[in-house]
PDB file of N, CA and C in Angstrom:
ATOM      1  N   MET A   1     112.256  87.140  96.695  1.00  0.00           N
ATOM      2  CA  MET A   1     111.093  87.982  96.769  1.00  0.00           C
ATOM      3  C   MET A   1     111.342  89.076  97.793  1.00  0.00           C
ATOM      4  N   GLY A   2     110.752  90.234  97.605  1.00  0.00           N
ATOM      5  CA  GLY A   2     110.927  91.368  98.502  1.00  0.00           C
ATOM      6  C   GLY A   2     110.107  91.236  99.758  1.00  0.00           C
ATOM      7  N   GLN A   3     109.973  92.340 100.447  1.00  0.00           N
ATOM      8  CA  GLN A   3     109.228  92.363 101.684  1.00  0.00           C
ATOM      9  C   GLN A   3     107.739  92.291 101.416  1.00  0.00           C
ATOM     10  N   ASP A   4     107.006  91.909 102.450  1.00  0.00           N
ATOM     11  CA  ASP A   4     105.548  91.914 102.402  1.00  0.00           C
ATOM     12  C   ASP A   4     105.072  93.354 102.244  1.00  0.00           C
ATOM     13  N   ALA A   5     104.001  93.561 101.482  1.00  0.00           N
ATOM     14  CA  ALA A   5     103.507  94.911 101.218  1.00  0.00           C
ATOM     15  C   ALA A   5     103.079  95.632 102.489  1.00  0.00           C
ATOM     16  N   SER A   6     102.821  94.906 103.562  1.00  0.00           N
ATOM     17  CA  SER A   6     102.377  95.553 104.788  1.00  0.00           C
ATOM     18  C   SER A   6     103.536  96.013 105.666  1.00  0.00           C
ATOM     19  N   SER A   7     104.769  95.815 105.235  1.00  0.00           N
ATOM     20  CA  SER A   7     105.921  96.192 106.039  1.00  0.00           C
ATOM     21  C   SER A   7     106.252  97.673 105.874  1.00  0.00           C
ATOM     22  N   THR A   8     107.426  98.062 106.284  1.00  0.00           N
ATOM     23  CA  THR A   8     107.850  99.460 106.268  1.00  0.00           C
ATOM     24  C   THR A   8     107.673 100.082 104.879  1.00  0.00           C
ATOM     25  N   PRO A   9     107.137 101.303 104.815  1.00  0.00           N
ATOM     26  CA  PRO A   9     106.921 101.949 103.504  1.00  0.00           C
ATOM     27  C   PRO A   9     108.236 102.278 102.817  1.00  0.00           C
ATOM     28  N   TYR A  10     108.251 102.134 101.507  1.00  0.00           N
ATOM     29  CA  TYR A  10     109.448 102.452 100.720  1.00  0.00           C
ATOM     30  C   TYR A  10     109.530 103.930 100.397  1.00  0.00           C
ATOM     31  N   PHE A  11     108.403 104.605 100.358  1.00  0.00           N
ATOM     32  CA  PHE A  11     108.372 106.002  99.957  1.00  0.00           C
ATOM     33  C   PHE A  11     108.034 106.850 101.164  1.00  0.00           C
ATOM     34  N   GLN A  12     108.996 107.610 101.613  1.00  0.00           N
ATOM     35  CA  GLN A  12     108.763 108.486 102.740  1.00  0.00           C
ATOM     36  C   GLN A  12     109.038 109.906 102.293  1.00  0.00           C
ATOM     37  N   GLY A  13     108.314 110.860 102.868  1.00  0.00           N
ATOM     38  CA  GLY A  13     108.435 112.240 102.427  1.00  0.00           C
ATOM     39  C   GLY A  13     107.537 112.472 101.231  1.00  0.00           C
ATOM     40  N   PRO A  14     107.850 113.502 100.441  1.00  0.00           N
ATOM     41  CA  PRO A  14     107.006 113.806  99.273  1.00  0.00           C
ATOM     42  C   PRO A  14     106.980 112.638  98.284  1.00  0.00           C
ATOM     43  N   ARG A  15     105.810 112.378  97.748  1.00  0.00           N
ATOM     44  CA  ARG A  15     105.671 111.268  96.802  1.00  0.00           C
ATOM     45  C   ARG A  15     106.307 111.637  95.474  1.00  0.00           C
ATOM     46  N   PRO A  16     107.115 110.723  94.907  1.00  0.00           N
ATOM     47  CA  PRO A  16     107.701 111.000  93.584  1.00  0.00           C
ATOM     48  C   PRO A  16     106.619 111.146  92.516  1.00  0.00           C
ATOM     49  N   LYS A  17     106.944 111.884  91.451  1.00  0.00           N
ATOM     50  CA  LYS A  17     106.028 112.067  90.319  1.00  0.00           C
ATOM     51  C   LYS A  17     105.807 110.719  89.633  1.00  0.00           C
ATOM     52  N   LEU A  18     104.607 110.512  89.107  1.00  0.00           N
ATOM     53  CA  LEU A  18     104.301 109.278  88.390  1.00  0.00           C
ATOM     54  C   LEU A  18     104.971 109.318  87.017  1.00  0.00           C
ATOM     55  N   ASP A  19     105.730 108.294  86.722  1.00  0.00           N
ATOM     56  CA  ASP A  19     106.478 108.189  85.480  1.00  0.00           C
ATOM     57  C   ASP A  19     105.558 107.740  84.341  1.00  0.00           C
ATOM     58  N   GLU A  20     105.624 108.431  83.205  1.00  0.00           N
ATOM     59  CA  GLU A  20     104.727 108.136  82.076  1.00  0.00           C
ATOM     60  C   GLU A  20     104.844 106.694  81.584  1.00  0.00           C
ATOM     61  N   VAL A  21     106.047 106.169  81.524  1.00  0.00           N
ATOM     62  CA  VAL A  21     106.239 104.790  81.048  1.00  0.00           C
ATOM     63  C   VAL A  21     105.559 103.804  82.001  1.00  0.00           C
ATOM     64  N   ARG A  22     105.715 104.018  83.290  1.00  0.00           N
ATOM     65  CA  ARG A  22     105.084 103.130  84.264  1.00  0.00           C
ATOM     66  C   ARG A  22     103.566 103.298  84.264  1.00  0.00           C
ATOM     67  N   VAL A  23     103.095 104.521  84.060  1.00  0.00           N
ATOM     68  CA  VAL A  23     101.649 104.747  83.960  1.00  0.00           C
ATOM     69  C   VAL A  23     101.098 103.955  82.780  1.00  0.00           C
ATOM     70  N   ARG A  24     101.785 104.016  81.653  1.00  0.00           N
ATOM     71  CA  ARG A  24     101.350 103.285  80.458  1.00  0.00           C
ATOM     72  C   ARG A  24     101.317 101.774  80.738  1.00  0.00           C
ATOM     73  N   ARG A  25     102.358 101.258  81.394  1.00  0.00           N
ATOM     74  CA  ARG A  25     102.408  99.824  81.719  1.00  0.00           C
ATOM     75  C   ARG A  25     101.319  99.439  82.711  1.00  0.00           C
ATOM     76  N   SER A  26     100.988 100.347  83.617  1.00  0.00           N
ATOM     77  CA  SER A  26      99.989 100.040  84.647  1.00  0.00           C
ATOM     78  C   SER A  26      98.611  99.778  84.047  1.00  0.00           C
ATOM     79  N   GLN A  27      98.381 100.286  82.857  1.00  0.00           N
ATOM     80  CA  GLN A  27      97.077 100.098  82.215  1.00  0.00           C
ATOM     81  C   GLN A  27      96.836  98.647  81.810  1.00  0.00           C
ATOM     82  N   ASP A  28      97.891  97.820  81.849  1.00  0.00           N
ATOM     83  CA  ASP A  28      97.747  96.397  81.553  1.00  0.00           C
ATOM     84  C   ASP A  28      97.352  95.590  82.790  1.00  0.00           C
ATOM     85  N   TYR A  29      97.171  96.273  83.918  1.00  0.00           N
ATOM     86  CA  TYR A  29      96.894  95.613  85.192  1.00  0.00           C
ATOM     87  C   TYR A  29      95.544  96.035  85.740  1.00  0.00           C
ATOM     88  N   VAL A  30      94.971  95.173  86.557  1.00  0.00           N
ATOM     89  CA  VAL A  30      93.739  95.487  87.267  1.00  0.00           C
ATOM     90  C   VAL A  30      94.029  95.352  88.765  1.00  0.00           C
ATOM     91  N   ALA A  31      93.520  96.307  89.527  1.00  0.00           N
ATOM     92  CA  ALA A  31      93.702  96.298  90.974  1.00  0.00           C
ATOM     93  C   ALA A  31      92.356  96.047  91.639  1.00  0.00           C
ATOM     94  N   ILE A  32      92.334  95.091  92.538  1.00  0.00           N
ATOM     95  CA  ILE A  32      91.113  94.716  93.248  1.00  0.00           C
ATOM     96  C   ILE A  32      91.308  95.007  94.728  1.00  0.00           C
ATOM     97  N   ARG A  33      90.420  95.807  95.287  1.00  0.00           N
ATOM     98  CA  ARG A  33      90.525  96.165  96.708  1.00  0.00           C
ATOM     99  C   ARG A  33      90.279  94.925  97.569  1.00  0.00           C
ATOM    100  N   VAL A  34      91.208  94.678  98.505  1.00  0.00           N
ATOM    101  CA  VAL A  34      91.060  93.560  99.432  1.00  0.00           C
ATOM    102  C   VAL A  34      91.090  94.033 100.885  1.00  0.00           C
ATOM    103  N   GLY A  35      91.227  95.324 101.076  1.00  0.00           N
ATOM    104  CA  GLY A  35      91.247  95.907 102.417  1.00  0.00           C
ATOM    105  C   GLY A  35      91.128  97.416 102.294  1.00  0.00           C
ATOM    106  N   THR A  36      91.175  98.105 103.419  1.00  0.00           N
ATOM    107  CA  THR A  36      91.000  99.555 103.418  1.00  0.00           C
ATOM    108  C   THR A  36      91.973 100.251 102.476  1.00  0.00           C
ATOM    109  N   ASN A  37      93.249  99.964 102.575  1.00  0.00           N
ATOM    110  CA  ASN A  37      94.271 100.579 101.719  1.00  0.00           C
ATOM    111  C   ASN A  37      95.048  99.531 100.932  1.00  0.00           C
ATOM    112  N   CYS A  38      94.507  98.345 100.827  1.00  0.00           N
ATOM    113  CA  CYS A  38      95.232  97.213 100.253  1.00  0.00           C
ATOM    114  C   CYS A  38      94.543  96.708  98.981  1.00  0.00           C
ATOM    115  N   PHE A  39      95.357  96.407  97.972  1.00  0.00           N
ATOM    116  CA  PHE A  39      94.851  95.923  96.689  1.00  0.00           C
ATOM    117  C   PHE A  39      95.669  94.714  96.236  1.00  0.00           C
ATOM    118  N   GLU A  40      95.019  93.818  95.523  1.00  0.00           N
ATOM    119  CA  GLU A  40      95.720  92.769  94.785  1.00  0.00           C
ATOM    120  C   GLU A  40      95.757  93.232  93.337  1.00  0.00           C
ATOM    121  N   VAL A  41      96.947  93.190  92.750  1.00  0.00           N
ATOM    122  CA  VAL A  41      97.141  93.688  91.386  1.00  0.00           C
ATOM    123  C   VAL A  41      97.592  92.529  90.508  1.00  0.00           C
ATOM    124  N   VAL A  42      96.895  92.338  89.393  1.00  0.00           N
ATOM    125  CA  VAL A  42      97.207  91.236  88.480  1.00  0.00           C
ATOM    126  C   VAL A  42      97.128  91.746  87.045  1.00  0.00           C
ATOM    127  N   HIS A  43      97.959  91.164  86.180  1.00  0.00           N
ATOM    128  CA  HIS A  43      97.939  91.510  84.757  1.00  0.00           C
ATOM    129  C   HIS A  43      96.585  91.107  84.177  1.00  0.00           C
ATOM    130  N   LYS A  44      96.044  91.927  83.307  1.00  0.00           N
ATOM    131  CA  LYS A  44      94.699  91.701  82.765  1.00  0.00           C
ATOM    132  C   LYS A  44      94.595  90.422  81.947  1.00  0.00           C
ATOM    133  N   THR A  45      95.669  90.005  81.278  1.00  0.00           N
ATOM    134  CA  THR A  45      95.567  88.823  80.413  1.00  0.00           C
ATOM    135  C   THR A  45      96.484  87.677  80.824  1.00  0.00           C
ATOM    136  N   GLU A  46      97.619  87.962  81.430  1.00  0.00           N
ATOM    137  CA  GLU A  46      98.581  86.899  81.714  1.00  0.00           C
ATOM    138  C   GLU A  46      98.332  86.190  83.042  1.00  0.00           C
ATOM    139  N   HIS A  47      97.847  86.869  84.047  1.00  0.00           N
ATOM    140  CA  HIS A  47      97.497  86.298  85.352  1.00  0.00           C
ATOM    141  C   HIS A  47      98.607  85.439  85.964  1.00  0.00           C
ATOM    142  N   LYS A  48      99.882  85.738  85.661  1.00  0.00           N
ATOM    143  CA  LYS A  48     100.993  84.933  86.167  1.00  0.00           C
ATOM    144  C   LYS A  48     101.176  85.069  87.675  1.00  0.00           C
ATOM    145  N   GLU A  49     101.141  86.284  88.162  1.00  0.00           N
ATOM    146  CA  GLU A  49     101.350  86.485  89.584  1.00  0.00           C
ATOM    147  C   GLU A  49     100.475  87.620  90.083  1.00  0.00           C
ATOM    148  N   VAL A  50     100.200  87.564  91.355  1.00  0.00           N
ATOM    149  CA  VAL A  50      99.398  88.597  92.004  1.00  0.00           C
ATOM    150  C   VAL A  50     100.303  89.342  92.972  1.00  0.00           C
ATOM    151  N   ARG A  51     100.298  90.655  92.886  1.00  0.00           N
ATOM    152  CA  ARG A  51     101.032  91.498  93.834  1.00  0.00           C
ATOM    153  C   ARG A  51     100.036  92.083  94.812  1.00  0.00           C
ATOM    154  N   THR A  52     100.366  92.034  96.079  1.00  0.00           N
ATOM    155  CA  THR A  52      99.564  92.702  97.089  1.00  0.00           C
ATOM    156  C   THR A  52     100.277  93.994  97.436  1.00  0.00           C
ATOM    157  N   VAL A  53      99.581  95.108  97.247  1.00  0.00           N
ATOM    158  CA  VAL A  53     100.193  96.421  97.469  1.00  0.00           C
ATOM    159  C   VAL A  53      99.304  97.237  98.398  1.00  0.00           C
ATOM    160  N   THR A  54      99.912  98.220  99.045  1.00  0.00           N
ATOM    161  CA  THR A  54      99.133  99.155  99.851  1.00  0.00           C
ATOM    162  C   THR A  54      99.334 100.554  99.282  1.00  0.00           C
ATOM    163  N   VAL A  55      98.288 101.358  99.381  1.00  0.00           N
ATOM    164  CA  VAL A  55      98.363 102.722  98.852  1.00  0.00           C
ATOM    165  C   VAL A  55      98.561 103.758  99.953  1.00  0.00           C
ATOM    166  N   ASP A  56      98.380 103.364 101.203  1.00  0.00           N
ATOM    167  CA  ASP A  56      98.630 104.276 102.312  1.00  0.00           C
ATOM    168  C   ASP A  56      99.075 103.481 103.518  1.00  0.00           C
ATOM    169  N   PRO A  57     100.392 103.312 103.699  1.00  0.00           N
ATOM    170  CA  PRO A  57     101.478 103.907 102.929  1.00  0.00           C
ATOM    171  C   PRO A  57     101.709 103.138 101.627  1.00  0.00           C
ATOM    172  N   LEU A  58     102.417 103.777 100.687  1.00  0.00           N
ATOM    173  CA  LEU A  58     102.731 103.146  99.396  1.00  0.00           C
ATOM    174  C   LEU A  58     103.735 102.017  99.610  1.00  0.00           C
ATOM    175  N   ASN A  59     103.329 100.808  99.252  1.00  0.00           N
ATOM    176  CA  ASN A  59     104.213  99.646  99.372  1.00  0.00           C
ATOM    177  C   ASN A  59     103.934  98.624  98.290  1.00  0.00           C
ATOM    178  N   CYS A  60     105.005  98.141  97.673  1.00  0.00           N
ATOM    179  CA  CYS A  60     104.945  97.006  96.759  1.00  0.00           C
ATOM    180  C   CYS A  60     106.267  96.270  96.915  1.00  0.00           C
ATOM    181  N   ASP A  61     106.250  94.956  96.756  1.00  0.00           N
ATOM    182  CA  ASP A  61     107.482  94.196  96.935  1.00  0.00           C
ATOM    183  C   ASP A  61     108.196  93.880  95.618  1.00  0.00           C
ATOM    184  N   CYS A  62     107.775  94.519  94.515  1.00  0.00           N
ATOM    185  CA  CYS A  62     108.450  94.271  93.235  1.00  0.00           C
ATOM    186  C   CYS A  62     109.810  94.981  93.207  1.00  0.00           C
ATOM    187  N   GLY A  63     110.673  94.540  92.334  1.00  0.00           N
ATOM    188  CA  GLY A  63     112.019  95.103  92.231  1.00  0.00           C
ATOM    189  C   GLY A  63     112.045  96.584  91.902  1.00  0.00           C
ATOM    190  N   ASP A  64     111.120  97.034  91.096  1.00  0.00           N
ATOM    191  CA  ASP A  64     111.090  98.449  90.714  1.00  0.00           C
ATOM    192  C   ASP A  64     110.876  99.339  91.936  1.00  0.00           C
ATOM    193  N   ALA A  65     109.991  98.905  92.828  1.00  0.00           N
ATOM    194  CA  ALA A  65     109.722  99.682  94.044  1.00  0.00           C
ATOM    195  C   ALA A  65     110.832  99.485  95.077  1.00  0.00           C
ATOM    196  N   VAL A  66     111.222  98.243  95.307  1.00  0.00           N
ATOM    197  CA  VAL A  66     112.174  97.935  96.372  1.00  0.00           C
ATOM    198  C   VAL A  66     113.582  98.418  96.045  1.00  0.00           C
ATOM    199  N   TYR A  67     114.085  98.068  94.863  1.00  0.00           N
ATOM    200  CA  TYR A  67     115.485  98.339  94.550  1.00  0.00           C
ATOM    201  C   TYR A  67     115.717  99.668  93.840  1.00  0.00           C
ATOM    202  N   HIS A  68     114.696 100.163  93.135  1.00  0.00           N
ATOM    203  CA  HIS A  68     114.869 101.406  92.379  1.00  0.00           C
ATOM    204  C   HIS A  68     114.084 102.571  92.973  1.00  0.00           C
ATOM    205  N   ASN A  69     113.291 102.287  94.006  1.00  0.00           N
ATOM    206  CA  ASN A  69     112.517 103.297  94.716  1.00  0.00           C
ATOM    207  C   ASN A  69     111.595 104.097  93.789  1.00  0.00           C
ATOM    208  N   HIS A  70     110.964 103.387  92.832  1.00  0.00           N
ATOM    209  CA  HIS A  70     110.006 104.009  91.923  1.00  0.00           C
ATOM    210  C   HIS A  70     108.591 103.659  92.362  1.00  0.00           C
ATOM    211  N   ILE A  71     107.667 104.508  92.005  1.00  0.00           N
ATOM    212  CA  ILE A  71     106.266 104.115  92.127  1.00  0.00           C
ATOM    213  C   ILE A  71     106.000 103.244  90.906  1.00  0.00           C
ATOM    214  N   CYS A  72     105.890 101.949  91.142  1.00  0.00           N
ATOM    215  CA  CYS A  72     105.831 100.955  90.064  1.00  0.00           C
ATOM    216  C   CYS A  72     104.447 100.879  89.427  1.00  0.00           C
ATOM    217  N   LYS A  73     104.366 100.105  88.364  1.00  0.00           N
ATOM    218  CA  LYS A  73     103.104  99.929  87.632  1.00  0.00           C
ATOM    219  C   LYS A  73     102.022  99.318  88.526  1.00  0.00           C
ATOM    220  N   HIS A  74     102.412  98.460  89.470  1.00  0.00           N
ATOM    221  CA  HIS A  74     101.432  97.846  90.372  1.00  0.00           C
ATOM    222  C   HIS A  74     100.809  98.901  91.284  1.00  0.00           C
ATOM    223  N   LEU A  75     101.665  99.763  91.839  1.00  0.00           N
ATOM    224  CA  LEU A  75     101.168 100.833  92.706  1.00  0.00           C
ATOM    225  C   LEU A  75     100.310 101.824  91.930  1.00  0.00           C
ATOM    226  N   ILE A  76     100.717 102.150  90.717  1.00  0.00           N
ATOM    227  CA  ILE A  76      99.933 103.098  89.912  1.00  0.00           C
ATOM    228  C   ILE A  76      98.552 102.518  89.607  1.00  0.00           C
ATOM    229  N   ALA A  77      98.487 101.229  89.271  1.00  0.00           N
ATOM    230  CA  ALA A  77      97.190 100.588  89.022  1.00  0.00           C
ATOM    231  C   ALA A  77      96.320 100.649  90.272  1.00  0.00           C
ATOM    232  N   ALA A  78      96.912 100.414  91.442  1.00  0.00           N
ATOM    233  CA  ALA A  78      96.163 100.467  92.697  1.00  0.00           C
ATOM    234  C   ALA A  78      95.738 101.894  93.022  1.00  0.00           C
ATOM    235  N   LEU A  79      96.631 102.841  92.806  1.00  0.00           N
ATOM    236  CA  LEU A  79      96.288 104.245  93.053  1.00  0.00           C
ATOM    237  C   LEU A  79      95.122 104.676  92.162  1.00  0.00           C
ATOM    238  N   TYR A  80      95.160 104.264  90.896  1.00  0.00           N
ATOM    239  CA  TYR A  80      94.072 104.594  89.972  1.00  0.00           C
ATOM    240  C   TYR A  80      92.751 103.987  90.462  1.00  0.00           C
ATOM    241  N   ALA A  81      92.807 102.716  90.867  1.00  0.00           N
ATOM    242  CA  ALA A  81      91.595 102.048  91.361  1.00  0.00           C
ATOM    243  C   ALA A  81      91.075 102.710  92.634  1.00  0.00           C
ATOM    244  N   ASP A  82      91.974 103.314  93.382  1.00  0.00           N
ATOM    245  CA  ASP A  82      91.613 103.995  94.623  1.00  0.00           C
ATOM    246  C   ASP A  82      91.113 105.420  94.375  1.00  0.00           C
ATOM    247  N   GLY A  83      91.174 105.883  93.113  1.00  0.00           N
ATOM    248  CA  GLY A  83      90.708 107.219  92.775  1.00  0.00           C
ATOM    249  C   GLY A  83      91.710 108.322  93.060  1.00  0.00           C
ATOM    250  N   ASP A  84      92.974 107.965  93.203  1.00  0.00           N
ATOM    251  CA  ASP A  84      94.022 108.953  93.454  1.00  0.00           C
ATOM    252  C   ASP A  84      94.056 109.992  92.329  1.00  0.00           C
ATOM    253  N   GLN A  85      94.034 111.275  92.690  1.00  0.00           N
ATOM    254  CA  GLN A  85      93.960 112.354  91.694  1.00  0.00           C
ATOM    255  C   GLN A  85      95.143 112.352  90.734  1.00  0.00           C
ATOM    256  N   ASP A  86      96.356 112.121  91.246  1.00  0.00           N
ATOM    257  CA  ASP A  86      97.535 112.111  90.368  1.00  0.00           C
ATOM    258  C   ASP A  86      97.467 110.961  89.365  1.00  0.00           C
ATOM    259  N   ALA A  87      97.028 109.792  89.821  1.00  0.00           N
ATOM    260  CA  ALA A  87      96.939 108.637  88.926  1.00  0.00           C
ATOM    261  C   ALA A  87      95.844 108.844  87.882  1.00  0.00           C
ATOM    262  N   VAL A  88      94.700 109.342  88.307  1.00  0.00           N
ATOM    263  CA  VAL A  88      93.605 109.599  87.363  1.00  0.00           C
ATOM    264  C   VAL A  88      94.050 110.624  86.327  1.00  0.00           C
ATOM    265  N   ARG A  89      94.694 111.693  86.780  1.00  0.00           N
ATOM    266  CA  ARG A  89      95.182 112.731  85.862  1.00  0.00           C
ATOM    267  C   ARG A  89      96.202 112.141  84.876  1.00  0.00           C
ATOM    268  N   ALA A  90      97.088 111.284  85.362  1.00  0.00           N
ATOM    269  CA  ALA A  90      98.106 110.670  84.493  1.00  0.00           C
ATOM    270  C   ALA A  90      97.448 109.799  83.421  1.00  0.00           C
ATOM    271  N   TYR A  91      96.404 109.061  83.788  1.00  0.00           N
ATOM    272  CA  TYR A  91      95.682 108.238  82.796  1.00  0.00           C
ATOM    273  C   TYR A  91      95.022 109.129  81.751  1.00  0.00           C
ATOM    274  N   ILE A  92      94.406 110.228  82.204  1.00  0.00           N
ATOM    275  CA  ILE A  92      93.746 111.152  81.273  1.00  0.00           C
ATOM    276  C   ILE A  92      94.761 111.780  80.333  1.00  0.00           C
ATOM    277  N   GLU A  93      95.902 112.165  80.866  1.00  0.00           N
ATOM    278  CA  GLU A  93      96.951 112.775  80.029  1.00  0.00           C
ATOM    279  C   GLU A  93      97.449 111.795  78.978  1.00  0.00           C
ATOM    280  N   LEU A  94      97.528 110.509  79.315  1.00  0.00           N
ATOM    281  CA  LEU A  94      97.929 109.494  78.318  1.00  0.00           C
ATOM    282  C   LEU A  94      96.894 109.417  77.199  1.00  0.00           C
ATOM    283  N   GLU A  95      95.617 109.465  77.559  1.00  0.00           N
ATOM    284  CA  GLU A  95      94.558 109.417  76.553  1.00  0.00           C
ATOM    285  C   GLU A  95      94.640 110.615  75.619  1.00  0.00           C
ATOM    286  N   ASP A  96      95.026 111.763  76.152  1.00  0.00           N
ATOM    287  CA  ASP A  96      95.161 112.968  75.317  1.00  0.00           C
ATOM    288  C   ASP A  96      96.299 112.848  74.318  1.00  0.00           C
ATOM    289  N   VAL A  97      97.331 112.072  74.678  1.00  0.00           N
ATOM    290  CA  VAL A  97      98.496 111.883  73.810  1.00  0.00           C
ATOM    291  C   VAL A  97      98.190 110.899  72.707  1.00  0.00           C
ATOM    292  N   ILE A  98      97.391 109.890  72.998  1.00  0.00           N
ATOM    293  CA  ILE A  98      97.119 108.803  72.041  1.00  0.00           C
ATOM    294  C   ILE A  98      96.208 109.258  70.942  1.00  0.00           C
TER     295      ILE A  98
END
């Protein structure tokens, strides 16, 4: 397992663009606020595991974030739940495509 979500941020400097594939996958997850910048993220139907992520700074301990330095589906779900403009816009753009 990776680092705790409250540890050193993985994304420093300008935030990478949200990837369409990850945005699409993030729609299968629900993020529940558990602190000021902290969310628990769980799959809407499978409920296998819960990820604790932070949105300020951006942190998730999944492999996509830790090893590939991507803004993962868990972070995107949390950003959307937090009302982040980029995440909201990405969700709207997906709806326009469908």
